[in-house]
C-alpha atoms as a PDB file:
ATOM      1  CA  MET A   1      -0.794  -8.789  18.651  1.00  0.00           C
ATOM      2  CA  LEU A   2       0.165  -5.371  17.249  1.00  0.00           C
ATOM      3  CA  CYS A   3       0.790  -6.850  13.801  1.00  0.00           C
ATOM      4  CA  ARG A   4      -2.725  -8.310  13.888  1.00  0.00           C
ATOM      5  CA  LEU A   5      -4.124  -4.885  14.753  1.00  0.00           C
ATOM      6  CA  ALA A   6      -2.267  -3.367  11.795  1.00  0.00           C
ATOM      7  CA  ALA A   7      -3.532  -6.171   9.544  1.00  0.00           C
ATOM      8  CA  LEU A   8      -7.105  -5.591  10.709  1.00  0.00           C
ATOM      9  CA  LEU A   9      -7.006  -1.863   9.975  1.00  0.00           C
ATOM     10  CA  ALA A  10      -5.310  -2.342   6.596  1.00  0.00           C
ATOM     11  CA  ALA A  11      -7.763  -5.075   5.588  1.00  0.00           C
ATOM     12  CA  ARG A  12     -10.688  -2.888   6.569  1.00  0.00           C
ATOM     13  CA  GLN A  13      -9.269   0.076   4.648  1.00  0.00           C
ATOM     14  CA  LEU A  14      -8.671  -1.963   1.483  1.00  0.00           C
ATOM     15  CA  MET A  15     -11.771  -4.135   1.928  1.00  0.00           C
ATOM     16  CA  CYS A  16     -10.213  -7.570   1.972  1.00  0.00           C
ATOM     17  CA  PRO A  17     -10.477 -10.347   4.569  1.00  0.00           C
ATOM     18  CA  VAL A  18      -7.987  -9.946   7.381  1.00  0.00           C
ATOM     19  CA  GLU A  19      -7.272 -13.680   7.322  1.00  0.00           C
ATOM     20  CA  THR A  20      -5.838 -13.384   3.810  1.00  0.00           C
ATOM     21  CA  VAL A  21      -3.606 -10.480   4.845  1.00  0.00           C
ATOM     22  CA  LEU A  22      -2.023 -12.677   7.498  1.00  0.00           C
ATOM     23  CA  LEU A  23      -1.634 -15.759   5.273  1.00  0.00           C
ATOM     24  CA  ALA A  24       1.891 -16.357   4.045  1.00  0.00           C
ATOM     25  CA  SER A  25       0.783 -17.993   0.808  1.00  0.00           C
ATOM     26  CA  THR A  26      -1.538 -15.320  -0.620  1.00  0.00           C
ATOM     27  CA  ARG A  27       0.115 -13.125  -3.269  1.00  0.00           C
ATOM     28  CA  GLU A  28      -2.880 -11.642  -5.068  1.00  0.00           C
ATOM     29  CA  ALA A  29      -2.419  -7.917  -5.753  1.00  0.00           C
ATOM     30  CA  PRO A  30      -5.206  -6.551  -3.477  1.00  0.00           C
ATOM     31  CA  VAL A  31      -4.090  -8.773  -0.607  1.00  0.00           C
ATOM     32  CA  ALA A  32      -0.436  -7.917  -1.144  1.00  0.00           C
ATOM     33  CA  ALA A  33      -1.296  -4.204  -1.065  1.00  0.00           C
ATOM     34  CA  ALA A  34      -3.193  -4.644   2.195  1.00  0.00           C
ATOM     35  CA  ARG A  35      -0.313  -6.662   3.670  1.00  0.00           C
ATOM     36  CA  GLN A  36       2.181  -3.974   2.646  1.00  0.00           C
ATOM     37  CA  LEU A  37       0.008  -1.327   4.258  1.00  0.00           C
ATOM     38  CA  ALA A  38      -0.300  -3.425   7.414  1.00  0.00           C
ATOM     39  CA  MET A  39       3.458  -3.926   7.633  1.00  0.00           C
ATOM     40  CA  TYR A  40       3.984  -0.196   7.153  1.00  0.00           C
ATOM     41  CA  LEU A  41       1.472   0.617   9.896  1.00  0.00           C
ATOM     42  CA  ALA A  42       3.098  -1.843  12.277  1.00  0.00           C
ATOM     43  CA  HIS A  43       6.564  -0.428  11.615  1.00  0.00           C
ATOM     44  CA  VAL A  44       5.916   3.295  11.207  1.00  0.00           C
ATOM     45  CA  GLY A  45       2.606   3.718  13.015  1.00  0.00           C
ATOM     46  CA  LEU A  46       3.347   1.487  15.996  1.00  0.00           C
ATOM     47  CA  GLY A  47       7.118   1.736  16.091  1.00  0.00           C
ATOM     48  CA  LEU A  48       7.871  -1.963  15.800  1.00  0.00           C
ATOM     49  CA  SER A  49      11.240  -2.851  14.336  1.00  0.00           C
ATOM     50  CA  GLN A  50      11.312  -4.326  10.860  1.00  0.00           C
ATOM     51  CA  HIS A  51      12.466  -7.577  12.434  1.00  0.00           C
ATOM     52  CA  GLN A  52       9.449  -7.633  14.772  1.00  0.00           C
ATOM     53  CA  VAL A  53       7.119  -6.932  11.852  1.00  0.00           C
ATOM     54  CA  ALA A  54       8.776  -9.660   9.792  1.00  0.00           C
ATOM     55  CA  VAL A  55       8.199 -12.170  12.576  1.00  0.00           C
ATOM     56  CA  GLY A  56       4.606 -10.995  13.055  1.00  0.00           C
ATOM     57  CA  PHE A  57       3.798 -11.467   9.369  1.00  0.00           C
ATOM     58  CA  ALA A  58       6.004 -14.540   8.819  1.00  0.00           C
ATOM     59  CA  ARG A  59       8.068 -12.669   6.246  1.00  0.00           C
ATOM     60  CA  HIS A  60      11.716 -11.734   5.759  1.00  0.00           C
ATOM     61  CA  ARG A  61      12.906  -8.361   7.056  1.00  0.00           C
ATOM     62  CA  ARG A  62      13.757  -7.271   3.493  1.00  0.00           C
ATOM     63  CA  THR A  63      10.144  -7.927   2.514  1.00  0.00           C
ATOM     64  CA  VAL A  64       9.049  -5.556   5.287  1.00  0.00           C
ATOM     65  CA  ALA A  65      11.550  -2.930   4.098  1.00  0.00           C
ATOM     66  CA  HIS A  66      10.232  -3.292   0.544  1.00  0.00           C
ATOM     67  CA  ALA A  67       6.626  -2.942   1.756  1.00  0.00           C
ATOM     68  CA  CYS A  68       7.453   0.179   3.744  1.00  0.00           C
ATOM     69  CA  ASN A  69       9.218   1.714   0.745  1.00  0.00           C
ATOM     70  CA  ARG A  70       6.254   0.955  -1.527  1.00  0.00           C
ATOM     71  CA  VAL A  71       3.796   2.598   0.863  1.00  0.00           C
ATOM     72  CA  GLU A  72       6.112   5.561   1.495  1.00  0.00           C
ATOM     73  CA  ASP A  73       6.385   6.131  -2.277  1.00  0.00           C
ATOM     74  CA  ARG A  74       2.594   6.346  -2.486  1.00  0.00           C
ATOM     75  CA  ARG A  75       2.530   9.164   0.077  1.00  0.00           C
ATOM     76  CA  ASP A  76       3.312  11.586  -2.756  1.00  0.00           C
ATOM     77  CA  ASP A  77      -0.385  11.297  -3.625  1.00  0.00           C
ATOM     78  CA  ALA A  78      -2.145  13.832  -1.388  1.00  0.00           C
ATOM     79  CA  ASN A  79      -5.331  11.750  -1.063  1.00  0.00           C
ATOM     80  CA  PHE A  80      -3.435   8.605  -0.119  1.00  0.00           C
ATOM     81  CA  ASP A  81      -1.281  10.574   2.322  1.00  0.00           C
ATOM     82  CA  ALA A  82      -4.362  12.009   4.034  1.00  0.00           C
ATOM     83  CA  GLN A  83      -5.971   8.561   4.316  1.00  0.00           C
ATOM     84  CA  LEU A  84      -2.761   7.069   5.666  1.00  0.00           C
ATOM     85  CA  THR A  85      -2.377   9.851   8.215  1.00  0.00           C
ATOM     86  CA  ASP A  86      -5.904   9.102   9.467  1.00  0.00           C
ATOM     87  CA  ILE A  87      -5.173   5.365   9.687  1.00  0.00           C
ATOM     88  CA  GLU A  88      -1.913   6.047  11.560  1.00  0.00           C
ATOM     89  CA  CYS A  89      -3.838   8.155  14.085  1.00  0.00           C
ATOM     90  CA  GLN A  90      -6.419   5.373  14.467  1.00  0.00           C
ATOM     91  CA  ILE A  91      -3.836   2.674  15.064  1.00  0.00           C
ATOM     92  CA  ARG A  92      -1.871   4.761  17.556  1.00  0.00           C
ATOM     93  CA  TRP A  93      -5.041   5.626  19.463  1.00  0.00           C
ATOM     94  CA  THR A  94      -6.251   2.026  19.445  1.00  0.00           C
ATOM     95  CA  ALA A  95      -2.882   0.735  20.635  1.00  0.00           C
ATOM     96  CA  GLY A  96      -2.580   3.496  23.240  1.00  0.00           C
ATOM     97  CA  ARG A  97       0.618   4.924  21.767  1.00  0.00           C
END
């Protein structure tokens, strides 16, 4: 459930269909970026373990770690960091955390 919430917010932010973010077979760059953001939000924003996120997205735990590292690297960009901070606040508020 929480992984779906993260996927919904990431898909909305990056303007791609949430269904594609959750599909295991879709590897197109915009969808992959949204999926990485969703996995990051689930792990960092909601506090799920990487294992829980991996199960929620039908991925391997190392894929989740890679996604989180990719998103974390992008936080050096001040605009991206500000957007991500806003999304993290949204997801925590929505999930009641």
